[in-house]
Amino acid sequence: MMIRQAAFEGNRKMLKGNLHCHTTRSDGQGKPDAVIRQYGHMGYDFLALTDHNFYNKENFAPESGVLIIPGMERHGTFGHPRVHCVHVVHVGPETGNGFEQDQRFENLKLTTTADAQPIIDLAHEANNLPIVCHPEWSGTGASELEGMQNFSLMEVWNTGCAMEHCLDMNAPYWDELLCHGRKIFGVATDDGHGVHQHGHGYIRVNAEKNTDSILEALKNGAFYASCGPEIYDFFVEDGKAYVVCSPVETIRFRHFHVPYRMVCGQDIQAAQIDVIPGTNYIRAEVIDKDGRKAWTNPIFLDV
């Protein structure tokens, strides 16, 4: 029996998008229209302007051809906001969205990570999807994330954190949560504040170019995350996992409890591995000659 990861089902063109960036509506350097046009020039299909605690549905540059996904970034903090915090991006539909354009929110004061649950719950109540942001930069480890429920999207790469702090560069805590039975899909974002941070981390989504289709793909894990390499297929068949990608130098198959091997060389475009019995999920990541990574979402084997 074959199990193909949902991103690679069918023959639909994969859309390119970023779900976390900032503008002068909060603390970003670029005006909203300029940021949208910048992403349009880089070939992006969709973008969410997720300014801090400030909801946006508006497309400030409709001529760019970039679809704007409604969204914002919500905050919860423990004391000083740069020491320990929980940030959650919300992305939602154009119609049936419980948030209003320009609706503002206050930071939520936290004493435990579980106190951040209302941020996630409010997203769902408003028909939005929550994305847990930059957990490493936030100082929020896997044991704390396990106290937060009802989310299935988490950043595995964050450009701003990578550039400024060398954090949130390669899926911190993802595998620990997966091994404990959580169904988490990995998102790469820019979280760009400076304009030089735009266009480095993104997702490729198996969807039509409309908001509802993209949100449905996010719910189902029908996407992969990347900083440059392309992934064309990822599936498990007859006890083996296979990945097909653009030319890279390293392919890794990952499971937290199993030291799956790496395949290394020049211009590798495919690899396979025996799946060890008892593995509840398997995922793959690829690294090109410039050190840029891409990550499949997991194939869950315990369902």
C-alpha atoms as a PDB file:
ATOM      1  CA  MET A   1       0.000   0.000   0.000  1.00  0.00           C
ATOM      2  CA  MET A   2       1.200   3.506  -0.840  1.00  0.00           C
ATOM      3  CA  ILE A   3       0.770   6.492   1.510  1.00  0.00           C
ATOM      4  CA  ARG A   4       1.596   9.756  -0.276  1.00  0.00           C
ATOM      5  CA  GLN A   5       1.972  12.952   1.734  1.00  0.00           C
ATOM      6  CA  ALA A   6      -0.957  15.261   0.920  1.00  0.00           C
ATOM      7  CA  ALA A   7       1.192  18.005  -0.628  1.00  0.00           C
ATOM      8  CA  PHE A   8       2.028  15.713  -3.541  1.00  0.00           C
ATOM      9  CA  GLU A   9      -1.365  14.282  -4.398  1.00  0.00           C
ATOM     10  CA  GLY A  10      -2.649  15.104  -7.889  1.00  0.00           C
ATOM     11  CA  ASN A  11      -0.972  17.294 -10.489  1.00  0.00           C
ATOM     12  CA  ARG A  12      -1.921  20.767  -9.293  1.00  0.00           C
ATOM     13  CA  LYS A  13       0.632  23.603  -9.539  1.00  0.00           C
ATOM     14  CA  MET A  14       2.063  24.328  -6.098  1.00  0.00           C
ATOM     15  CA  LEU A  15       1.420  27.870  -4.878  1.00  0.00           C
ATOM     16  CA  LYS A  16       4.166  29.846  -3.120  1.00  0.00           C
ATOM     17  CA  GLY A  17       3.302  31.933  -0.077  1.00  0.00           C
ATOM     18  CA  ASN A  18       4.322  33.503   3.227  1.00  0.00           C
ATOM     19  CA  LEU A  19       2.023  33.561   6.250  1.00  0.00           C
ATOM     20  CA  HIS A  20       3.974  35.811   8.632  1.00  0.00           C
ATOM     21  CA  CYS A  21       5.342  39.290   7.886  1.00  0.00           C
ATOM     22  CA  HIS A  22       5.164  42.837   9.212  1.00  0.00           C
ATOM     23  CA  THR A  23       4.675  46.317   7.812  1.00  0.00           C
ATOM     24  CA  THR A  24       4.563  49.901   9.060  1.00  0.00           C
ATOM     25  CA  ARG A  25       1.106  49.051  10.441  1.00  0.00           C
ATOM     26  CA  SER A  26       3.123  47.707  13.407  1.00  0.00           C
ATOM     27  CA  ASP A  27       6.926  47.543  13.634  1.00  0.00           C
ATOM     28  CA  GLY A  28       7.885  46.613  10.065  1.00  0.00           C
ATOM     29  CA  GLN A  29      10.016  48.863   7.859  1.00  0.00           C
ATOM     30  CA  GLY A  30       7.998  48.545   4.635  1.00  0.00           C
ATOM     31  CA  LYS A  31       4.636  50.094   3.876  1.00  0.00           C
ATOM     32  CA  PRO A  32       1.913  47.487   3.246  1.00  0.00           C
ATOM     33  CA  ASP A  33       1.640  48.184  -0.480  1.00  0.00           C
ATOM     34  CA  ALA A  34       5.416  48.098  -0.927  1.00  0.00           C
ATOM     35  CA  VAL A  35       5.741  44.806   0.960  1.00  0.00           C
ATOM     36  CA  ILE A  36       3.021  43.188  -1.138  1.00  0.00           C
ATOM     37  CA  ARG A  37       4.635  44.379  -4.363  1.00  0.00           C
ATOM     38  CA  GLN A  38       8.031  43.096  -3.177  1.00  0.00           C
ATOM     39  CA  TYR A  39       6.576  39.621  -2.693  1.00  0.00           C
ATOM     40  CA  GLY A  40       4.820  39.877  -6.040  1.00  0.00           C
ATOM     41  CA  HIS A  41       8.115  40.648  -7.790  1.00  0.00           C
ATOM     42  CA  MET A  42       9.593  37.542  -6.120  1.00  0.00           C
ATOM     43  CA  GLY A  43       6.900  35.322  -7.618  1.00  0.00           C
ATOM     44  CA  TYR A  44       4.733  34.769  -4.562  1.00  0.00           C
ATOM     45  CA  ASP A  45       1.109  33.766  -5.055  1.00  0.00           C
ATOM     46  CA  PHE A  46      -0.193  34.688  -1.601  1.00  0.00           C
ATOM     47  CA  LEU A  47       0.796  36.593   1.528  1.00  0.00           C
ATOM     48  CA  ALA A  48      -0.574  37.322   5.006  1.00  0.00           C
ATOM     49  CA  LEU A  49       0.209  40.709   6.565  1.00  0.00           C
ATOM     50  CA  THR A  50       0.354  39.701  10.226  1.00  0.00           C
ATOM     51  CA  ASP A  51       1.072  42.895  12.090  1.00  0.00           C
ATOM     52  CA  HIS A  52       1.184  42.628  15.866  1.00  0.00           C
ATOM     53  CA  ASN A  53      -2.269  42.411  17.478  1.00  0.00           C
ATOM     54  CA  PHE A  54      -3.764  44.250  14.465  1.00  0.00           C
ATOM     55  CA  TYR A  55      -5.972  42.282  12.070  1.00  0.00           C
ATOM     56  CA  ASN A  56      -5.742  42.788   8.317  1.00  0.00           C
ATOM     57  CA  LYS A  57      -7.968  41.677   5.450  1.00  0.00           C
ATOM     58  CA  GLU A  58      -7.118  44.429   2.971  1.00  0.00           C
ATOM     59  CA  ASN A  59      -5.043  44.052  -0.184  1.00  0.00           C
ATOM     60  CA  PHE A  60      -3.098  47.325  -0.370  1.00  0.00           C
ATOM     61  CA  ALA A  61      -1.640  46.465  -3.809  1.00  0.00           C
ATOM     62  CA  PRO A  62      -4.252  44.498  -5.786  1.00  0.00           C
ATOM     63  CA  GLU A  63      -2.386  45.157  -9.038  1.00  0.00           C
ATOM     64  CA  SER A  64       0.458  42.949  -7.735  1.00  0.00           C
ATOM     65  CA  GLY A  65      -1.505  39.762  -8.329  1.00  0.00           C
ATOM     66  CA  VAL A  66      -0.682  38.596  -4.780  1.00  0.00           C
ATOM     67  CA  LEU A  67      -3.624  37.087  -2.907  1.00  0.00           C
ATOM     68  CA  ILE A  68      -3.855  38.509   0.631  1.00  0.00           C
ATOM     69  CA  ILE A  69      -4.788  35.988   3.323  1.00  0.00           C
ATOM     70  CA  PRO A  70      -6.477  37.717   6.296  1.00  0.00           C
ATOM     71  CA  GLY A  71      -4.368  37.560   9.431  1.00  0.00           C
ATOM     72  CA  MET A  72      -2.461  38.982  12.386  1.00  0.00           C
ATOM     73  CA  GLU A  73       0.053  37.937  15.075  1.00  0.00           C
ATOM     74  CA  ARG A  74      -1.235  37.677  18.659  1.00  0.00           C
ATOM     75  CA  HIS A  75       0.995  37.869  21.749  1.00  0.00           C
ATOM     76  CA  GLY A  76       1.090  36.432  25.227  1.00  0.00           C
ATOM     77  CA  THR A  77       4.000  37.350  27.519  1.00  0.00           C
ATOM     78  CA  PHE A  78       5.575  36.284  30.793  1.00  0.00           C
ATOM     79  CA  GLY A  79       6.888  39.518  32.301  1.00  0.00           C
ATOM     80  CA  HIS A  80       9.296  41.151  29.843  1.00  0.00           C
ATOM     81  CA  PRO A  81       8.175  40.319  26.285  1.00  0.00           C
ATOM     82  CA  ARG A  82      11.708  39.528  25.079  1.00  0.00           C
ATOM     83  CA  VAL A  83      12.375  36.907  27.766  1.00  0.00           C
ATOM     84  CA  HIS A  84       9.549  34.383  27.553  1.00  0.00           C
ATOM     85  CA  CYS A  85       6.457  34.610  25.400  1.00  0.00           C
ATOM     86  CA  VAL A  86       3.956  32.851  23.158  1.00  0.00           C
ATOM     87  CA  HIS A  87       3.197  34.320  19.729  1.00  0.00           C
ATOM     88  CA  VAL A  88       0.462  32.878  17.523  1.00  0.00           C
ATOM     89  CA  VAL A  89      -0.305  33.942  13.947  1.00  0.00           C
ATOM     90  CA  HIS A  90      -3.984  33.785  12.985  1.00  0.00           C
ATOM     91  CA  VAL A  91      -4.996  33.312   9.341  1.00  0.00           C
ATOM     92  CA  GLY A  92      -8.613  33.188   8.270  1.00  0.00           C
ATOM     93  CA  PRO A  93     -11.160  33.314   5.445  1.00  0.00           C
ATOM     94  CA  GLU A  94     -12.407  36.304   3.519  1.00  0.00           C
ATOM     95  CA  THR A  95     -16.035  35.547   4.396  1.00  0.00           C
ATOM     96  CA  GLY A  96     -17.222  34.009   7.655  1.00  0.00           C
ATOM     97  CA  ASN A  97     -14.290  35.564   9.489  1.00  0.00           C
ATOM     98  CA  GLY A  98     -14.988  36.522  13.092  1.00  0.00           C
ATOM     99  CA  PHE A  99     -12.355  39.282  13.099  1.00  0.00           C
ATOM    100  CA  GLU A 100     -12.827  42.736  11.623  1.00  0.00           C
ATOM    101  CA  GLN A 101     -10.461  44.814   9.511  1.00  0.00           C
ATOM    102  CA  ASP A 102      -8.161  46.858  11.809  1.00  0.00           C
ATOM    103  CA  GLN A 103      -9.437  45.109  14.948  1.00  0.00           C
ATOM    104  CA  ARG A 104      -6.854  45.534  17.730  1.00  0.00           C
ATOM    105  CA  PHE A 105      -5.959  43.273  20.630  1.00  0.00           C
ATOM    106  CA  GLU A 106      -3.930  43.630  23.813  1.00  0.00           C
ATOM    107  CA  ASN A 107      -1.034  41.414  24.857  1.00  0.00           C
ATOM    108  CA  LEU A 108      -2.233  38.574  27.079  1.00  0.00           C
ATOM    109  CA  LYS A 109      -0.373  38.337  30.404  1.00  0.00           C
ATOM    110  CA  LEU A 110       0.731  34.761  31.110  1.00  0.00           C
ATOM    111  CA  THR A 111       1.837  32.886  34.192  1.00  0.00           C
ATOM    112  CA  THR A 112       1.946  29.433  32.543  1.00  0.00           C
ATOM    113  CA  THR A 113       2.007  28.391  28.907  1.00  0.00           C
ATOM    114  CA  ALA A 114      -1.487  26.977  29.319  1.00  0.00           C
ATOM    115  CA  ASP A 115      -2.632  30.572  29.859  1.00  0.00           C
ATOM    116  CA  ALA A 116      -1.998  31.105  26.126  1.00  0.00           C
ATOM    117  CA  GLN A 117      -4.814  28.707  25.279  1.00  0.00           C
ATOM    118  CA  PRO A 118      -7.382  31.540  24.954  1.00  0.00           C
ATOM    119  CA  ILE A 119      -5.336  32.971  22.067  1.00  0.00           C
ATOM    120  CA  ILE A 120      -5.671  29.682  20.209  1.00  0.00           C
ATOM    121  CA  ASP A 121      -9.302  29.221  21.204  1.00  0.00           C
ATOM    122  CA  LEU A 122     -10.230  32.722  20.029  1.00  0.00           C
ATOM    123  CA  ALA A 123      -8.657  31.998  16.642  1.00  0.00           C
ATOM    124  CA  HIS A 124     -10.889  28.955  16.199  1.00  0.00           C
ATOM    125  CA  GLU A 125     -13.966  30.829  17.443  1.00  0.00           C
ATOM    126  CA  ALA A 126     -13.311  33.415  14.706  1.00  0.00           C
ATOM    127  CA  ASN A 127     -12.891  30.650  12.076  1.00  0.00           C
ATOM    128  CA  ASN A 128      -9.136  31.268  11.856  1.00  0.00           C
ATOM    129  CA  LEU A 129      -6.221  28.821  11.939  1.00  0.00           C
ATOM    130  CA  PRO A 130      -3.562  29.351  14.633  1.00  0.00           C
ATOM    131  CA  ILE A 131       0.139  28.996  13.799  1.00  0.00           C
ATOM    132  CA  VAL A 132       2.515  28.820  16.767  1.00  0.00           C
ATOM    133  CA  CYS A 133       5.452  31.095  15.976  1.00  0.00           C
ATOM    134  CA  HIS A 134       9.228  30.894  16.560  1.00  0.00           C
ATOM    135  CA  PRO A 135       9.091  28.635  19.644  1.00  0.00           C
ATOM    136  CA  GLU A 136      12.860  28.730  20.152  1.00  0.00           C
ATOM    137  CA  TRP A 137      13.053  32.549  20.089  1.00  0.00           C
ATOM    138  CA  SER A 138      10.038  32.633  22.421  1.00  0.00           C
ATOM    139  CA  GLY A 139      11.807  30.456  24.977  1.00  0.00           C
ATOM    140  CA  THR A 140       8.913  27.999  24.814  1.00  0.00           C
ATOM    141  CA  GLY A 141      10.144  24.405  24.760  1.00  0.00           C
ATOM    142  CA  ALA A 142       8.374  21.224  23.768  1.00  0.00           C
ATOM    143  CA  SER A 143       7.231  20.434  27.304  1.00  0.00           C
ATOM    144  CA  GLU A 144       5.487  23.808  27.472  1.00  0.00           C
ATOM    145  CA  LEU A 145       4.021  23.501  23.986  1.00  0.00           C
ATOM    146  CA  GLU A 146       2.436  20.229  25.068  1.00  0.00           C
ATOM    147  CA  GLY A 147       0.351  22.272  27.503  1.00  0.00           C
ATOM    148  CA  MET A 148      -1.218  24.105  24.557  1.00  0.00           C
ATOM    149  CA  GLN A 149      -3.954  22.235  22.715  1.00  0.00           C
ATOM    150  CA  ASN A 150      -5.913  22.460  19.478  1.00  0.00           C
ATOM    151  CA  PHE A 151      -3.204  23.693  17.134  1.00  0.00           C
ATOM    152  CA  SER A 152      -1.707  21.772  14.210  1.00  0.00           C
ATOM    153  CA  LEU A 153       0.585  24.377  12.593  1.00  0.00           C
ATOM    154  CA  MET A 154       3.968  25.505  13.939  1.00  0.00           C
ATOM    155  CA  GLU A 155       6.896  27.386  12.458  1.00  0.00           C
ATOM    156  CA  VAL A 156       9.912  25.188  11.705  1.00  0.00           C
ATOM    157  CA  TRP A 157      11.834  28.064  10.087  1.00  0.00           C
ATOM    158  CA  ASN A 158      11.583  31.799  10.820  1.00  0.00           C
ATOM    159  CA  THR A 159      13.790  34.078   8.708  1.00  0.00           C
ATOM    160  CA  GLY A 160      13.884  37.005  11.126  1.00  0.00           C
ATOM    161  CA  CYS A 161      14.902  34.802  14.046  1.00  0.00           C
ATOM    162  CA  ALA A 162      17.454  32.970  11.883  1.00  0.00           C
ATOM    163  CA  MET A 163      19.073  36.190  10.629  1.00  0.00           C
ATOM    164  CA  GLU A 164      19.115  38.051  13.927  1.00  0.00           C
ATOM    165  CA  HIS A 165      19.594  35.278  16.495  1.00  0.00           C
ATOM    166  CA  CYS A 166      20.458  31.978  14.717  1.00  0.00           C
ATOM    167  CA  LEU A 167      17.262  30.530  16.195  1.00  0.00           C
ATOM    168  CA  ASP A 168      14.251  28.701  14.738  1.00  0.00           C
ATOM    169  CA  MET A 169      16.318  27.506  11.797  1.00  0.00           C
ATOM    170  CA  ASN A 170      15.573  23.780  11.652  1.00  0.00           C
ATOM    171  CA  ALA A 171      12.368  22.600  13.310  1.00  0.00           C
ATOM    172  CA  PRO A 172      13.183  22.895  17.023  1.00  0.00           C
ATOM    173  CA  TYR A 173      10.832  20.748  19.150  1.00  0.00           C
ATOM    174  CA  TRP A 174       8.838  19.504  16.131  1.00  0.00           C
ATOM    175  CA  ASP A 175       9.950  15.884  16.357  1.00  0.00           C
ATOM    176  CA  GLU A 176       9.477  15.718  20.113  1.00  0.00           C
ATOM    177  CA  LEU A 177       5.845  16.774  19.737  1.00  0.00           C
ATOM    178  CA  LEU A 178       5.337  14.375  16.828  1.00  0.00           C
ATOM    179  CA  CYS A 179       6.750  11.471  18.799  1.00  0.00           C
ATOM    180  CA  HIS A 180       4.322  12.223  21.610  1.00  0.00           C
ATOM    181  CA  GLY A 181       1.431  11.773  19.208  1.00  0.00           C
ATOM    182  CA  ARG A 182       0.717  15.403  18.277  1.00  0.00           C
ATOM    183  CA  LYS A 183      -0.251  15.950  14.633  1.00  0.00           C
ATOM    184  CA  ILE A 184       1.779  19.067  13.826  1.00  0.00           C
ATOM    185  CA  PHE A 185       2.488  20.457  10.346  1.00  0.00           C
ATOM    186  CA  GLY A 186       5.634  22.549   9.819  1.00  0.00           C
ATOM    187  CA  VAL A 187       5.516  26.059   8.332  1.00  0.00           C
ATOM    188  CA  ALA A 188       8.440  28.176   7.086  1.00  0.00           C
ATOM    189  CA  THR A 189       7.898  31.938   7.295  1.00  0.00           C
ATOM    190  CA  ASP A 190       9.849  35.176   7.023  1.00  0.00           C
ATOM    191  CA  ASP A 191       8.403  37.110   9.967  1.00  0.00           C
ATOM    192  CA  GLY A 192      10.110  39.933   8.089  1.00  0.00           C
ATOM    193  CA  HIS A 193      10.396  43.264   9.811  1.00  0.00           C
ATOM    194  CA  GLY A 194      13.252  44.658   7.715  1.00  0.00           C
ATOM    195  CA  VAL A 195      12.714  44.491   3.967  1.00  0.00           C
ATOM    196  CA  HIS A 196      15.906  42.400   3.621  1.00  0.00           C
ATOM    197  CA  GLN A 197      14.154  39.629   5.568  1.00  0.00           C
ATOM    198  CA  HIS A 198      11.400  39.134   3.008  1.00  0.00           C
ATOM    199  CA  GLY A 199      11.497  36.236   0.565  1.00  0.00           C
ATOM    200  CA  HIS A 200      13.632  33.600   2.319  1.00  0.00           C
ATOM    201  CA  GLY A 201      11.214  31.198   4.059  1.00  0.00           C
ATOM    202  CA  TYR A 202       7.928  30.094   2.500  1.00  0.00           C
ATOM    203  CA  ILE A 203       5.501  27.269   1.947  1.00  0.00           C
ATOM    204  CA  ARG A 204       4.459  25.525  -1.270  1.00  0.00           C
ATOM    205  CA  VAL A 205       0.779  24.649  -1.086  1.00  0.00           C
ATOM    206  CA  ASN A 206      -1.244  22.124  -3.079  1.00  0.00           C
ATOM    207  CA  ALA A 207      -4.272  24.384  -3.541  1.00  0.00           C
ATOM    208  CA  GLU A 208      -6.207  26.598  -5.891  1.00  0.00           C
ATOM    209  CA  LYS A 209      -5.378  30.306  -5.720  1.00  0.00           C
ATOM    210  CA  ASN A 210      -8.156  31.329  -3.374  1.00  0.00           C
ATOM    211  CA  THR A 211      -8.231  31.761   0.383  1.00  0.00           C
ATOM    212  CA  ASP A 212     -10.603  28.906   1.209  1.00  0.00           C
ATOM    213  CA  SER A 213      -8.585  26.385  -0.815  1.00  0.00           C
ATOM    214  CA  ILE A 214      -5.309  27.478   0.794  1.00  0.00           C
ATOM    215  CA  LEU A 215      -6.769  27.301   4.317  1.00  0.00           C
ATOM    216  CA  GLU A 216      -8.140  23.821   3.625  1.00  0.00           C
ATOM    217  CA  ALA A 217      -4.699  22.712   2.426  1.00  0.00           C
ATOM    218  CA  LEU A 218      -3.149  24.082   5.615  1.00  0.00           C
ATOM    219  CA  LYS A 219      -5.632  22.100   7.701  1.00  0.00           C
ATOM    220  CA  ASN A 220      -4.752  18.911   5.816  1.00  0.00           C
ATOM    221  CA  GLY A 221      -0.976  19.394   5.723  1.00  0.00           C
ATOM    222  CA  ALA A 222      -1.060  19.625   1.920  1.00  0.00           C
ATOM    223  CA  PHE A 223       2.077  21.751   1.702  1.00  0.00           C
ATOM    224  CA  TYR A 224       5.792  21.705   2.371  1.00  0.00           C
ATOM    225  CA  ALA A 225       8.158  24.305   3.816  1.00  0.00           C
ATOM    226  CA  SER A 226      11.290  25.615   2.109  1.00  0.00           C
ATOM    227  CA  CYS A 227      14.072  28.168   1.989  1.00  0.00           C
ATOM    228  CA  GLY A 228      14.970  27.295  -1.604  1.00  0.00           C
ATOM    229  CA  PRO A 229      14.999  23.578  -2.558  1.00  0.00           C
ATOM    230  CA  GLU A 230      11.952  22.071  -4.218  1.00  0.00           C
ATOM    231  CA  ILE A 231      10.346  18.785  -3.195  1.00  0.00           C
ATOM    232  CA  TYR A 232       8.399  16.924  -5.857  1.00  0.00           C
ATOM    233  CA  ASP A 233       7.193  13.796  -4.066  1.00  0.00           C
ATOM    234  CA  PHE A 234       7.250  12.047  -0.699  1.00  0.00           C
ATOM    235  CA  PHE A 235       5.571   8.720  -0.040  1.00  0.00           C
ATOM    236  CA  VAL A 236       5.798   5.402   1.789  1.00  0.00           C
ATOM    237  CA  GLU A 237       5.264   2.153  -0.079  1.00  0.00           C
ATOM    238  CA  ASP A 238       5.980  -1.481   0.843  1.00  0.00           C
ATOM    239  CA  GLY A 239       7.901  -0.534   3.957  1.00  0.00           C
ATOM    240  CA  LYS A 240      10.114   2.098   2.313  1.00  0.00           C
ATOM    241  CA  ALA A 241      10.002   5.903   2.346  1.00  0.00           C
ATOM    242  CA  TYR A 242      10.880   7.777  -0.847  1.00  0.00           C
ATOM    243  CA  VAL A 243      11.568  11.449  -1.508  1.00  0.00           C
ATOM    244  CA  VAL A 244      12.154  13.201  -4.866  1.00  0.00           C
ATOM    245  CA  CYS A 245      13.517  16.758  -4.985  1.00  0.00           C
ATOM    246  CA  SER A 246      15.546  19.342  -6.873  1.00  0.00           C
ATOM    247  CA  PRO A 247      19.348  18.790  -6.845  1.00  0.00           C
ATOM    248  CA  VAL A 248      20.665  18.863  -3.265  1.00  0.00           C
ATOM    249  CA  GLU A 249      23.682  17.660  -1.324  1.00  0.00           C
ATOM    250  CA  THR A 250      21.927  16.062   1.664  1.00  0.00           C
ATOM    251  CA  ILE A 251      18.667  14.191   2.210  1.00  0.00           C
ATOM    252  CA  ARG A 252      17.667  13.212   5.741  1.00  0.00           C
ATOM    253  CA  PHE A 253      14.777  11.049   6.848  1.00  0.00           C
ATOM    254  CA  ARG A 254      13.674  12.037  10.330  1.00  0.00           C
ATOM    255  CA  HIS A 255      12.003  10.432  13.329  1.00  0.00           C
ATOM    256  CA  PHE A 256      12.881  11.529  16.847  1.00  0.00           C
ATOM    257  CA  HIS A 257      13.395   8.038  18.281  1.00  0.00           C
ATOM    258  CA  VAL A 258      15.176   6.517  15.269  1.00  0.00           C
ATOM    259  CA  PRO A 259      18.598   7.581  13.854  1.00  0.00           C
ATOM    260  CA  TYR A 260      17.617   7.312  10.211  1.00  0.00           C
ATOM    261  CA  ARG A 261      20.575   7.737   7.871  1.00  0.00           C
ATOM    262  CA  MET A 262      21.537  10.688   5.690  1.00  0.00           C
ATOM    263  CA  VAL A 263      22.213  10.454   1.968  1.00  0.00           C
ATOM    264  CA  CYS A 264      24.983  12.801   0.851  1.00  0.00           C
ATOM    265  CA  GLY A 265      26.571  13.664  -2.479  1.00  0.00           C
ATOM    266  CA  GLN A 266      26.376  16.085  -5.385  1.00  0.00           C
ATOM    267  CA  ASP A 267      23.116  16.868  -7.166  1.00  0.00           C
ATOM    268  CA  ILE A 268      21.112  14.167  -5.389  1.00  0.00           C
ATOM    269  CA  GLN A 269      17.523  14.178  -6.560  1.00  0.00           C
ATOM    270  CA  ALA A 270      16.009  11.149  -4.819  1.00  0.00           C
ATOM    271  CA  ALA A 271      16.545   8.842  -1.858  1.00  0.00           C
ATOM    272  CA  GLN A 272      14.805   5.994  -0.078  1.00  0.00           C
ATOM    273  CA  ILE A 273      14.996   4.341   3.319  1.00  0.00           C
ATOM    274  CA  ASP A 274      13.508   1.304   5.035  1.00  0.00           C
ATOM    275  CA  VAL A 275      10.876   2.394   7.550  1.00  0.00           C
ATOM    276  CA  ILE A 276      11.616   0.759  10.886  1.00  0.00           C
ATOM    277  CA  PRO A 277       8.586  -1.007  12.403  1.00  0.00           C
ATOM    278  CA  GLY A 278       7.095   0.977  15.280  1.00  0.00           C
ATOM    279  CA  THR A 279       7.817   4.362  13.692  1.00  0.00           C
ATOM    280  CA  ASN A 280       4.653   6.424  14.160  1.00  0.00           C
ATOM    281  CA  TYR A 281       5.617   9.025  11.560  1.00  0.00           C
ATOM    282  CA  ILE A 282       8.406   9.819   9.125  1.00  0.00           C
ATOM    283  CA  ARG A 283       9.390  13.075   7.464  1.00  0.00           C
ATOM    284  CA  ALA A 284      12.201  14.215   5.172  1.00  0.00           C
ATOM    285  CA  GLU A 285      14.377  17.291   4.881  1.00  0.00           C
ATOM    286  CA  VAL A 286      16.746  18.251   2.078  1.00  0.00           C
ATOM    287  CA  ILE A 287      19.706  20.647   2.040  1.00  0.00           C
ATOM    288  CA  ASP A 288      21.212  22.194  -1.102  1.00  0.00           C
ATOM    289  CA  LYS A 289      24.825  23.233  -1.813  1.00  0.00           C
ATOM    290  CA  ASP A 290      24.158  26.693  -0.330  1.00  0.00           C
ATOM    291  CA  GLY A 291      22.869  25.236   2.937  1.00  0.00           C
ATOM    292  CA  ARG A 292      19.243  26.082   2.203  1.00  0.00           C
ATOM    293  CA  LYS A 293      16.716  23.563   3.539  1.00  0.00           C
ATOM    294  CA  ALA A 294      13.269  22.254   2.713  1.00  0.00           C
ATOM    295  CA  TRP A 295      11.051  20.118   4.923  1.00  0.00           C
ATOM    296  CA  THR A 296       8.239  17.726   4.033  1.00  0.00           C
ATOM    297  CA  ASN A 297       5.365  17.418   6.411  1.00  0.00           C
ATOM    298  CA  PRO A 298       5.138  14.040   8.132  1.00  0.00           C
ATOM    299  CA  ILE A 299       3.509  10.926   6.852  1.00  0.00           C
ATOM    300  CA  PHE A 300       1.683   9.513   9.868  1.00  0.00           C
ATOM    301  CA  LEU A 301       1.951   5.742  10.095  1.00  0.00           C
ATOM    302  CA  ASP A 302      -0.140   5.084  13.198  1.00  0.00           C
ATOM    303  CA  VAL A 303      -3.530   5.854  11.643  1.00  0.00           C
END
